[in-house]
Protein backbone atom coordinates (compact mmCIF):
# COMPACT_ATOMS: atom_id res chain seq x y z
CA MET A 1 -87.74 -24.53 -18.51
CA HIS A 2 -86.49 -21.14 -17.32
CA PRO A 3 -84.92 -19.24 -20.32
CA PRO A 4 -81.37 -18.94 -18.87
CA ARG A 5 -81.37 -22.66 -18.04
CA ARG A 6 -82.69 -23.51 -21.52
CA ARG A 7 -79.97 -21.38 -23.08
CA PHE A 8 -77.28 -23.04 -20.96
CA LEU A 9 -78.53 -26.52 -21.88
CA ALA A 10 -78.62 -25.71 -25.58
CA GLN A 11 -75.08 -24.33 -25.51
CA ALA A 12 -73.79 -27.30 -23.53
CA LEU A 13 -75.38 -29.79 -25.92
CA ALA A 14 -74.01 -27.97 -28.95
CA GLY A 15 -70.52 -27.83 -27.49
CA ALA A 16 -70.56 -31.53 -26.65
CA SER A 17 -71.83 -32.55 -30.10
CA LEU A 18 -74.88 -34.12 -28.44
CA LEU A 19 -77.24 -32.34 -30.78
CA THR A 20 -76.60 -35.12 -33.28
CA LEU A 21 -79.44 -36.86 -31.43
CA VAL A 22 -81.88 -34.04 -32.20
CA PRO A 23 -83.78 -33.78 -35.50
CA PRO A 24 -82.64 -30.81 -37.61
CA GLN A 25 -85.63 -28.63 -36.75
CA ALA A 26 -86.00 -29.63 -33.10
CA LEU A 27 -83.91 -27.07 -31.24
CA ALA A 28 -84.97 -23.44 -31.02
CA ALA A 29 -83.72 -21.37 -28.10
CA PRO A 30 -82.92 -17.67 -27.90
CA GLY A 31 -79.29 -16.73 -27.66
CA ILE A 32 -77.52 -19.99 -28.52
CA LEU A 33 -73.83 -19.13 -28.73
CA VAL A 34 -71.64 -20.85 -31.31
CA PRO A 35 -68.05 -20.52 -30.06
CA ASN A 36 -64.70 -21.18 -31.69
CA ILE A 37 -61.44 -22.58 -30.37
CA THR A 38 -60.06 -19.20 -29.23
CA GLY A 39 -63.03 -18.29 -27.05
CA LEU A 40 -63.19 -14.95 -28.89
CA TYR A 41 -66.11 -13.72 -30.98
CA PRO A 42 -68.83 -16.32 -30.33
CA VAL A 43 -71.85 -15.84 -32.58
CA GLU A 44 -75.41 -15.82 -31.25
CA VAL A 45 -77.63 -17.92 -33.50
CA ALA A 46 -81.34 -18.64 -33.50
CA ARG A 47 -81.16 -22.39 -33.96
CA VAL A 48 -78.68 -25.27 -34.13
CA ALA A 49 -79.40 -28.33 -36.27
CA ALA A 50 -77.23 -31.44 -36.19
CA PRO A 51 -77.96 -33.48 -39.32
CA ALA A 52 -76.79 -37.05 -39.80
CA THR A 53 -77.55 -37.39 -43.52
CA THR A 54 -77.46 -35.34 -46.70
CA GLU A 55 -81.27 -35.45 -46.85
CA GLU A 56 -81.48 -33.92 -43.37
CA VAL A 57 -79.20 -31.10 -44.53
CA ALA A 58 -81.37 -30.56 -47.59
CA GLN A 59 -84.54 -30.57 -45.48
CA ALA A 60 -83.03 -28.02 -43.08
CA LEU A 61 -82.18 -25.69 -45.98
CA ARG A 62 -85.63 -26.05 -47.51
CA SER A 63 -87.49 -25.40 -44.25
CA TRP A 64 -85.41 -22.66 -42.60
CA PRO A 65 -86.52 -19.22 -43.83
CA GLY A 66 -83.44 -17.22 -42.84
CA LYS A 67 -79.67 -17.35 -43.17
CA ILE A 68 -77.68 -20.56 -42.68
CA ALA A 69 -74.05 -21.22 -41.76
CA VAL A 70 -72.06 -24.43 -41.52
CA GLY A 71 -69.62 -25.56 -38.83
CA GLY A 72 -67.43 -28.56 -38.11
CA GLY A 73 -64.60 -28.62 -35.60
CA ARG A 74 -64.95 -24.83 -35.08
CA TYR A 75 -61.24 -24.12 -35.41
CA SER A 76 -61.79 -21.05 -37.58
CA MET A 77 -61.44 -18.00 -35.39
CA GLY A 78 -63.67 -15.18 -36.58
CA GLY A 79 -67.24 -16.36 -36.97
CA GLN A 80 -66.74 -18.34 -40.18
CA ALA A 81 -69.00 -21.11 -38.83
CA ALA A 82 -72.06 -19.07 -37.86
CA ILE A 83 -74.21 -16.08 -38.75
CA GLN A 84 -75.96 -13.79 -36.27
CA GLY A 85 -79.59 -14.81 -35.82
CA GLY A 86 -79.34 -17.66 -38.30
CA LEU A 87 -79.37 -21.43 -38.39
CA HIS A 88 -76.10 -23.20 -37.51
CA LEU A 89 -75.59 -26.60 -39.12
CA ASP A 90 -73.39 -28.62 -36.79
CA MET A 91 -71.91 -31.19 -39.17
CA ARG A 92 -70.03 -33.29 -36.62
CA GLY A 93 -72.71 -35.99 -36.60
CA MET A 94 -72.09 -36.64 -40.30
CA ASN A 95 -68.98 -38.72 -39.62
CA ARG A 96 -69.40 -41.95 -41.58
CA LEU A 97 -66.93 -43.57 -43.94
CA ILE A 98 -69.04 -44.14 -47.03
CA ARG A 99 -66.62 -46.01 -49.29
CA LEU A 100 -62.98 -47.08 -49.16
CA ASP A 101 -61.20 -48.53 -52.20
CA ALA A 102 -57.72 -49.52 -51.03
CA GLY A 103 -56.61 -50.63 -54.48
CA ALA A 104 -57.54 -47.34 -56.11
CA LYS A 105 -56.44 -45.37 -53.02
CA LEU A 106 -59.76 -43.55 -52.79
CA ALA A 107 -62.04 -42.82 -49.85
CA ARG A 108 -65.43 -41.15 -49.71
CA VAL A 109 -66.53 -39.75 -46.36
CA GLN A 110 -69.25 -37.62 -44.87
CA ALA A 111 -68.01 -34.06 -44.42
CA GLY A 112 -68.18 -34.11 -40.62
CA MET A 113 -65.68 -36.95 -40.27
CA ARG A 114 -62.47 -35.91 -38.54
CA TRP A 115 -59.13 -36.76 -40.13
CA ARG A 116 -58.25 -38.82 -37.05
CA ASP A 117 -61.28 -41.07 -37.57
CA LEU A 118 -60.35 -41.60 -41.21
CA GLN A 119 -56.81 -42.50 -40.17
CA ASP A 120 -58.19 -45.29 -37.98
CA ALA A 121 -59.65 -46.89 -41.12
CA LEU A 122 -56.64 -46.24 -43.36
CA ASP A 123 -53.75 -47.29 -41.16
CA PRO A 124 -54.47 -51.07 -41.04
CA LEU A 125 -54.43 -51.02 -44.86
CA GLY A 126 -51.05 -49.29 -45.07
CA LEU A 127 -52.69 -46.12 -46.38
CA ALA A 128 -52.48 -42.49 -45.31
CA VAL A 129 -54.25 -39.18 -45.86
CA HIS A 130 -52.75 -37.40 -48.87
CA THR A 131 -52.98 -33.83 -47.54
CA MET A 132 -54.40 -32.35 -44.34
CA GLN A 133 -53.59 -29.90 -41.57
CA SER A 134 -50.77 -30.60 -39.12
CA TYR A 135 -53.34 -31.74 -36.53
CA ALA A 136 -55.93 -34.47 -37.00
CA ASN A 137 -58.86 -32.95 -35.04
CA PHE A 138 -60.29 -31.02 -37.98
CA THR A 139 -63.24 -32.23 -40.04
CA VAL A 140 -62.69 -33.17 -43.67
CA GLY A 141 -65.43 -30.87 -44.92
CA GLY A 142 -64.06 -27.99 -42.88
CA ALA A 143 -60.59 -28.57 -44.31
CA VAL A 144 -61.99 -28.42 -47.84
CA SER A 145 -64.06 -25.35 -47.03
CA VAL A 146 -60.96 -23.41 -45.93
CA ASN A 147 -58.76 -25.18 -48.52
CA ALA A 148 -56.34 -26.18 -45.79
CA HIS A 149 -52.76 -27.32 -46.12
CA GLY A 150 -50.14 -28.81 -43.85
CA ARG A 151 -46.42 -29.44 -43.91
CA TYR A 152 -46.60 -31.76 -46.93
CA VAL A 153 -43.91 -31.14 -49.53
CA GLY A 154 -45.20 -30.47 -53.04
CA ASN A 155 -48.86 -31.25 -52.30
CA GLY A 156 -50.25 -27.72 -52.05
CA PRO A 157 -53.78 -27.23 -50.65
CA VAL A 158 -56.16 -30.04 -49.80
CA VAL A 159 -58.25 -29.43 -52.94
CA ASN A 160 -55.47 -31.09 -54.93
CA SER A 161 -56.41 -34.41 -53.31
CA VAL A 162 -60.18 -33.97 -53.64
CA ARG A 163 -61.77 -35.96 -56.44
CA ALA A 164 -65.45 -35.09 -55.88
CA LEU A 165 -67.76 -33.14 -53.59
CA GLN A 166 -71.41 -33.60 -52.79
CA LEU A 167 -73.05 -30.23 -52.16
CA VAL A 168 -76.46 -29.13 -50.97
CA LEU A 169 -77.35 -25.79 -52.54
CA ALA A 170 -79.40 -23.03 -50.94
CA ASP A 171 -82.66 -24.33 -52.45
CA GLY A 172 -82.07 -27.79 -50.95
CA SER A 173 -81.03 -29.47 -54.19
CA VAL A 174 -78.17 -31.99 -54.05
CA VAL A 175 -75.42 -31.90 -56.68
CA GLU A 176 -72.18 -33.75 -57.37
CA ALA A 177 -69.25 -31.50 -58.24
CA THR A 178 -65.89 -32.48 -59.77
CA ARG A 179 -63.27 -30.82 -61.94
CA THR A 180 -65.37 -31.64 -65.01
CA ARG A 181 -68.95 -31.75 -63.65
CA ASN A 182 -70.34 -28.61 -62.02
CA ALA A 183 -66.74 -27.45 -62.08
CA ASP A 184 -67.62 -23.87 -61.10
CA LEU A 185 -69.19 -25.14 -57.86
CA PHE A 186 -66.23 -27.44 -57.21
CA ARG A 187 -63.78 -24.55 -57.56
CA ALA A 188 -65.89 -22.25 -55.38
CA ALA A 189 -66.57 -24.78 -52.63
CA ALA A 190 -62.85 -25.44 -52.05
CA GLY A 191 -61.80 -22.43 -50.02
CA GLY A 192 -65.27 -20.88 -50.30
CA TYR A 193 -66.25 -21.09 -46.60
CA GLY A 194 -69.77 -22.29 -47.38
CA ALA A 195 -70.63 -19.45 -49.76
CA VAL A 196 -72.15 -21.57 -52.54
CA GLY A 197 -73.24 -24.79 -50.87
CA VAL A 198 -73.02 -27.11 -47.88
CA ILE A 199 -70.37 -29.79 -48.38
CA THR A 200 -71.92 -33.10 -47.26
CA GLU A 201 -69.57 -35.69 -48.80
CA VAL A 202 -65.94 -35.61 -49.91
CA GLU A 203 -64.10 -38.09 -52.13
CA LEU A 204 -60.36 -38.10 -51.51
CA ALA A 205 -57.24 -39.51 -53.12
CA LEU A 206 -55.06 -41.30 -50.58
CA ALA A 207 -51.35 -41.96 -50.13
CA GLN A 208 -49.17 -44.82 -48.94
CA ASN A 209 -48.09 -44.96 -45.32
CA THR A 210 -44.31 -45.09 -44.93
CA ARG A 211 -41.58 -44.81 -42.34
CA ILE A 212 -40.10 -41.34 -41.98
CA GLU A 213 -37.01 -39.95 -40.26
CA ARG A 214 -36.63 -36.47 -38.80
CA ILE A 215 -33.74 -34.32 -40.05
CA VAL A 216 -32.98 -30.94 -38.43
CA ASP A 217 -30.78 -28.21 -39.96
CA GLU A 218 -30.07 -24.68 -38.72
CA LEU A 219 -29.65 -22.03 -41.41
CA ALA A 220 -29.11 -18.36 -42.11
CA LEU A 221 -32.25 -16.56 -43.27
CA ASP A 222 -30.89 -15.70 -46.73
CA ASP A 223 -29.76 -19.29 -47.31
CA TYR A 224 -33.13 -20.91 -46.73
CA PRO A 225 -34.71 -20.65 -50.24
CA ALA A 226 -31.65 -22.26 -51.87
CA TYR A 227 -31.55 -24.90 -49.13
CA PHE A 228 -35.20 -25.70 -49.83
CA ARG A 229 -34.57 -26.07 -53.56
CA ARG A 230 -31.50 -28.22 -53.05
CA ASN A 231 -32.56 -30.45 -50.14
CA ILE A 232 -36.34 -30.53 -49.89
CA GLU A 233 -38.10 -29.92 -53.18
CA GLY A 234 -38.54 -32.90 -55.47
CA GLY A 235 -36.85 -35.35 -53.10
CA ASP A 236 -37.97 -38.00 -50.62
CA CYS A 237 -39.24 -35.52 -48.01
CA ILE A 238 -42.86 -35.99 -46.84
CA PHE A 239 -43.18 -33.20 -44.27
CA HIS A 240 -41.17 -30.01 -43.91
CA ASN A 241 -41.33 -26.71 -42.10
CA ALA A 242 -38.87 -24.15 -40.81
CA ASP A 243 -39.30 -22.52 -37.41
CA LEU A 244 -38.50 -18.82 -36.96
CA LEU A 245 -38.19 -17.95 -33.28
CA PRO A 246 -38.51 -14.62 -31.46
CA PRO A 247 -37.37 -11.96 -31.13
CA GLN A 248 -35.46 -11.69 -34.43
CA PHE A 249 -37.13 -14.45 -36.47
CA ASP A 250 -34.02 -14.60 -38.62
CA ALA A 251 -32.48 -18.06 -38.03
CA PRO A 252 -34.62 -20.81 -39.62
CA VAL A 253 -34.56 -24.21 -37.95
CA ALA A 254 -35.54 -26.58 -40.76
CA VAL A 255 -37.38 -29.72 -39.67
CA SER A 256 -37.84 -32.37 -42.36
CA TRP A 257 -39.34 -35.86 -42.30
CA ARG A 258 -37.87 -38.09 -45.03
CA ARG A 259 -38.74 -41.60 -46.15
CA THR A 260 -36.48 -44.18 -44.55
CA SER A 261 -36.04 -47.90 -43.94
CA LYS A 262 -34.37 -47.36 -40.56
CA ALA A 263 -35.64 -48.98 -37.37
CA LEU A 264 -38.49 -47.20 -35.62
CA THR A 265 -37.84 -45.12 -32.52
CA GLU A 266 -41.62 -44.67 -32.09
CA ARG A 267 -43.51 -47.95 -32.41
CA ALA A 268 -47.04 -46.55 -32.11
CA ARG A 269 -48.67 -46.27 -35.52
CA LEU A 270 -50.99 -43.40 -34.50
CA VAL A 271 -50.90 -40.85 -31.70
CA ALA A 272 -52.96 -42.22 -28.82
CA ARG A 273 -56.21 -40.40 -28.19
CA GLY A 274 -56.97 -38.60 -24.94
CA GLN A 275 -53.43 -38.03 -23.76
CA SER A 276 -52.59 -35.44 -21.12
CA TYR A 277 -50.60 -32.47 -22.39
CA GLY A 278 -49.95 -30.79 -19.05
CA LEU A 279 -46.22 -30.48 -19.73
CA HIS A 280 -46.89 -28.71 -23.04
CA GLN A 281 -49.31 -26.35 -21.29
CA ASN A 282 -46.77 -25.50 -18.60
CA LEU A 283 -44.07 -24.87 -21.21
CA LEU A 284 -46.40 -22.54 -23.13
CA PHE A 285 -47.09 -20.63 -19.93
CA ALA A 286 -43.36 -20.35 -19.12
CA MET A 287 -42.44 -19.18 -22.61
CA THR A 288 -45.05 -16.42 -22.60
CA GLU A 289 -45.17 -15.31 -18.96
CA LEU A 290 -41.65 -15.67 -17.54
CA PRO A 291 -38.94 -13.04 -18.15
CA ARG A 292 -37.06 -13.85 -21.36
CA GLY A 293 -39.30 -16.78 -22.07
CA ASP A 294 -38.26 -16.49 -25.71
CA LEU A 295 -34.75 -17.57 -24.72
CA LEU A 296 -36.18 -20.49 -22.76
CA ARG A 297 -37.67 -21.77 -26.00
CA SER A 298 -34.83 -21.02 -28.41
CA LYS A 299 -31.94 -22.06 -26.18
CA LEU A 300 -33.38 -24.95 -24.16
CA ILE A 301 -36.80 -26.31 -25.11
CA HIS A 302 -36.51 -26.25 -28.90
CA PRO A 303 -33.05 -27.91 -29.02
CA LEU A 304 -34.13 -30.59 -26.53
CA LEU A 305 -37.27 -31.44 -28.47
CA LEU A 306 -35.35 -31.87 -31.72
CA ALA A 307 -32.13 -33.45 -30.42
CA LYS A 308 -33.15 -37.11 -30.16
CA PRO A 309 -33.26 -39.29 -33.31
CA ALA A 310 -36.81 -39.91 -34.48
CA VAL A 311 -38.09 -42.54 -36.90
CA LYS A 312 -41.85 -43.15 -37.02
CA TRP A 313 -44.75 -43.85 -39.34
CA ARG A 314 -46.14 -41.10 -41.54
CA ASN A 315 -49.55 -41.71 -39.97
CA HIS A 316 -48.17 -41.10 -36.49
CA GLU A 317 -46.79 -37.68 -37.44
CA ALA A 318 -50.07 -36.87 -39.23
CA SER A 319 -52.27 -37.82 -36.25
CA LEU A 320 -51.09 -35.13 -33.83
CA ASP A 321 -53.69 -33.83 -31.39
CA VAL A 322 -54.28 -30.07 -31.26
CA ALA A 323 -54.77 -30.48 -27.51
CA GLU A 324 -50.99 -30.19 -27.18
CA LEU A 325 -51.39 -26.49 -28.05
CA GLU A 326 -54.23 -25.87 -25.60
CA PRO A 327 -53.63 -23.61 -22.59
CA ARG A 328 -55.01 -24.58 -19.21
CA THR A 329 -57.56 -21.78 -19.58
CA ARG A 330 -58.52 -19.27 -22.26
CA ARG A 331 -60.34 -16.94 -19.86
CA ILE A 332 -57.58 -14.33 -19.52
CA SER A 333 -55.52 -15.05 -22.61
CA THR A 334 -55.85 -17.20 -25.69
CA TYR A 335 -53.65 -18.59 -28.47
CA VAL A 336 -54.35 -17.52 -32.01
CA LEU A 337 -53.02 -17.98 -35.55
CA GLN A 338 -52.49 -15.78 -38.57
CA GLU A 339 -51.00 -16.84 -41.90
CA TYR A 340 -49.45 -15.08 -44.87
CA PHE A 341 -48.55 -16.46 -48.31
CA ILE A 342 -45.53 -14.81 -49.90
CA PRO A 343 -43.97 -15.38 -53.34
CA VAL A 344 -40.77 -17.39 -52.92
CA ARG A 345 -38.59 -14.64 -54.41
CA HIS A 346 -39.48 -12.35 -51.49
CA PHE A 347 -38.83 -14.82 -48.67
CA ALA A 348 -35.97 -13.13 -46.80
CA ALA A 349 -37.09 -9.53 -47.36
CA TYR A 350 -40.60 -10.31 -46.21
CA ALA A 351 -39.39 -12.26 -43.16
CA ARG A 352 -37.37 -9.23 -41.99
CA ALA A 353 -40.26 -6.84 -42.61
CA MET A 354 -42.68 -9.15 -40.80
CA ALA A 355 -40.35 -9.42 -37.81
CA ALA A 356 -40.08 -5.63 -37.66
CA VAL A 357 -43.88 -5.31 -37.49
CA ILE A 358 -44.07 -7.92 -34.71
CA ARG A 359 -41.41 -6.12 -32.65
CA GLU A 360 -42.86 -2.67 -33.28
CA HIS A 361 -46.27 -3.74 -31.97
CA GLU A 362 -44.80 -5.92 -29.19
CA ALA A 363 -46.97 -8.82 -30.29
CA GLU A 364 -46.50 -11.97 -28.19
CA VAL A 365 -45.52 -14.25 -31.07
CA LEU A 366 -44.22 -17.63 -29.94
CA ASN A 367 -43.29 -19.04 -33.31
CA VAL A 368 -43.54 -18.53 -37.06
CA SER A 369 -43.66 -21.78 -39.00
CA VAL A 370 -42.67 -21.61 -42.66
CA ARG A 371 -44.20 -24.06 -45.16
CA HIS A 372 -44.22 -24.22 -48.96
CA SER A 373 -46.91 -24.60 -51.60
CA PRO A 374 -46.96 -24.69 -55.39
CA ALA A 375 -49.51 -22.46 -57.12
CA ASP A 376 -53.15 -23.39 -56.61
CA LEU A 377 -54.63 -23.79 -60.09
CA THR A 378 -58.05 -25.05 -58.98
CA SER A 379 -59.84 -23.05 -56.28
CA LEU A 380 -61.71 -19.86 -57.11
CA LEU A 381 -60.16 -17.94 -54.20
CA PRO A 382 -56.60 -19.27 -54.19
CA TRP A 383 -54.32 -18.25 -51.35
CA ALA A 384 -51.39 -19.42 -53.49
CA LYS A 385 -51.81 -17.55 -56.77
CA GLU A 386 -48.19 -18.52 -57.51
CA GLU A 387 -45.59 -20.63 -55.73
CA VAL A 388 -45.36 -19.39 -52.15
CA PHE A 389 -43.80 -19.80 -48.77
CA SER A 390 -46.46 -19.59 -46.07
CA PHE A 391 -45.71 -17.93 -42.73
CA VAL A 392 -47.92 -19.36 -39.95
CA VAL A 393 -47.83 -16.94 -37.01
CA TYR A 394 -48.68 -18.48 -33.63
CA TYR A 395 -49.21 -15.92 -30.87
CA LYS A 396 -50.71 -15.25 -27.47
CA GLN A 397 -53.43 -12.63 -27.10
CA ARG A 398 -55.17 -11.31 -24.00
CA THR A 399 -58.94 -11.51 -24.17
CA HIS A 400 -59.93 -8.04 -22.92
CA ALA A 401 -61.28 -5.41 -25.29
CA ASP A 402 -58.11 -3.31 -25.54
CA ALA A 403 -56.05 -6.40 -26.38
CA ARG A 404 -58.47 -7.22 -29.18
CA ARG A 405 -58.15 -3.68 -30.51
CA ARG A 406 -54.35 -3.86 -30.46
CA ALA A 407 -54.43 -7.27 -32.14
CA GLY A 408 -56.50 -5.70 -34.91
CA ASP A 409 -53.97 -2.89 -35.33
CA TRP A 410 -50.94 -5.11 -35.73
CA THR A 411 -52.83 -7.65 -37.84
CA ARG A 412 -53.73 -4.95 -40.36
CA ALA A 413 -50.08 -3.88 -40.38
CA MET A 414 -49.07 -7.50 -41.03
CA ILE A 415 -51.57 -7.73 -43.90
CA ASP A 416 -50.28 -4.50 -45.44
CA THR A 417 -46.75 -5.91 -45.26
CA ALA A 418 -47.80 -9.13 -47.00
CA LEU A 419 -49.65 -7.19 -49.70
CA ALA A 420 -46.58 -5.00 -50.28
CA PHE A 421 -44.63 -8.15 -51.19
CA GLY A 422 -47.31 -9.46 -53.55
CA GLY A 423 -48.67 -11.85 -50.94
CA ARG A 424 -52.04 -12.80 -49.51
CA TYR A 425 -53.42 -13.49 -46.06
CA TYR A 426 -55.45 -16.54 -44.96
CA LEU A 427 -59.17 -16.16 -44.28
CA PRO A 428 -60.07 -18.53 -41.39
CA TYR A 429 -58.77 -16.23 -38.66
CA GLN A 430 -59.98 -13.12 -36.83
CA LEU A 431 -61.76 -10.65 -39.12
CA HIS A 432 -59.40 -7.73 -38.63
CA ALA A 433 -58.72 -7.03 -42.32
CA THR A 434 -60.38 -4.00 -43.88
CA ARG A 435 -62.67 -4.44 -46.86
CA SER A 436 -59.99 -2.81 -49.00
CA GLN A 437 -57.35 -5.30 -47.80
CA PHE A 438 -59.66 -8.21 -48.59
CA GLU A 439 -60.35 -6.92 -52.10
CA GLN A 440 -56.64 -6.40 -52.77
CA ALA A 441 -55.70 -9.84 -51.46
CA TYR A 442 -58.53 -11.67 -53.25
CA PRO A 443 -59.49 -9.84 -56.46
CA GLU A 444 -61.23 -13.07 -57.57
CA ALA A 445 -63.99 -12.30 -55.06
CA GLY A 446 -66.01 -10.65 -57.83
CA GLU A 447 -66.29 -13.99 -59.61
CA LEU A 448 -67.41 -15.65 -56.38
CA ARG A 449 -70.07 -12.96 -55.89
CA ALA A 450 -71.38 -13.55 -59.41
CA LEU A 451 -71.59 -17.31 -58.91
CA LYS A 452 -73.28 -16.86 -55.53
CA ARG A 453 -75.91 -14.57 -57.06
CA ARG A 454 -76.71 -17.36 -59.52
CA VAL A 455 -76.93 -20.31 -57.08
CA ASP A 456 -77.99 -18.43 -53.93
CA PRO A 457 -79.76 -15.26 -55.11
CA ALA A 458 -81.25 -14.54 -51.68
CA GLY A 459 -77.85 -14.84 -49.97
CA ARG A 460 -79.10 -17.45 -47.52
CA LEU A 461 -75.77 -19.26 -47.12
CA ALA A 462 -73.81 -16.86 -44.96
CA ASN A 463 -71.45 -16.46 -42.05
CA GLU A 464 -69.73 -13.58 -40.28
CA LEU A 465 -66.79 -13.70 -42.71
CA TRP A 466 -68.94 -13.24 -45.80
CA ALA A 467 -71.28 -10.80 -44.06
CA LYS A 468 -68.29 -8.50 -43.69
CA TYR A 469 -66.46 -9.00 -46.99
CA LEU A 470 -68.66 -10.59 -49.67
């Protein structure tokens, strides 16, 4: 086959997850690009393997002589799923439910299973995922690898619901890791972005499905922390976030989902797959391209979306499809996230400083969603060293080179602002942080380096994130 055609076929197969049909060592083509959701910073790898079992992962690690990176849904945005010239393990074919104990509320799954597929098995039993991202498209192993969180009240990061991990180490050996067995590997794998091992199985604690009702309150910025303590923390609230809207980002709209016995307004138990989100795409375009699109959102769209009463199942709200955030094309512009974790005592002061940076750099921020997390006492690289409010920044970015440069400039300014308030930034996004900023945000990185030298002395498990910072 002509090389350009071979390259195109390999990329198409990888993007469509069809490489699950190919043995782990079968595909070798020059210039296979591993993309991510933004369309920015694809990584050229030497080979893609799509294992279906733990043994196939182990065999791939034993036989491949170079560097190896792991990918799932590819929602990380800066090369965290691939390494230049290396082997990319596409885990999406490892999507089986291994064990489900409804009585004990435990599930064990292969790491490539998506949350939405797990929800299909849980919902008929009246069970729900304990903690996950706001959207159900992500893989379970990927969520553990980035130590994800969502809008869950009091749950903190996903590691808090993980009971055990199966890992394949760089030498191909398979180990079980828990809080008491291989605990150092367990702590490093959660939020470790594949630095110490490939996560192949995850055992999770589950929750009960329940009816929930949406409650919306508008607040002054300085009143929000007290409101959270009084109305959200320690109560019957399952999900909560507060939206800060441009250009001032100073009037939180608190959206809470509380347990209820009221009649359902949404009878579907899960969000239907494959829906069209054309209206959402058109609204995103209008908010970012039309004059004063920020007012369109704050004065019309946002109030309309939240005005109607809403009572639904927890599983329905947890099975949202990230397609509703997708633009019609990412060729000219793309939608990106950043996130910052700020001690609760600095909430209002940080929010004002953050907003000033956004306005100074004229960043096209559509929304900042505020969530809450208790301190993370488990993972080796915790993004919540103490109790924090997280600020999830959702913005539009042009794809040309100058736009990327400017995004780097204002991102580094945002990181400096978070660091000044004793905060940290989240690692699954574009790699704009300096080495100094990384070291200041994550001083525990030295401990991760030491553990990696012990279990992966040749540094074979790698990706673009760790190539830059670790």
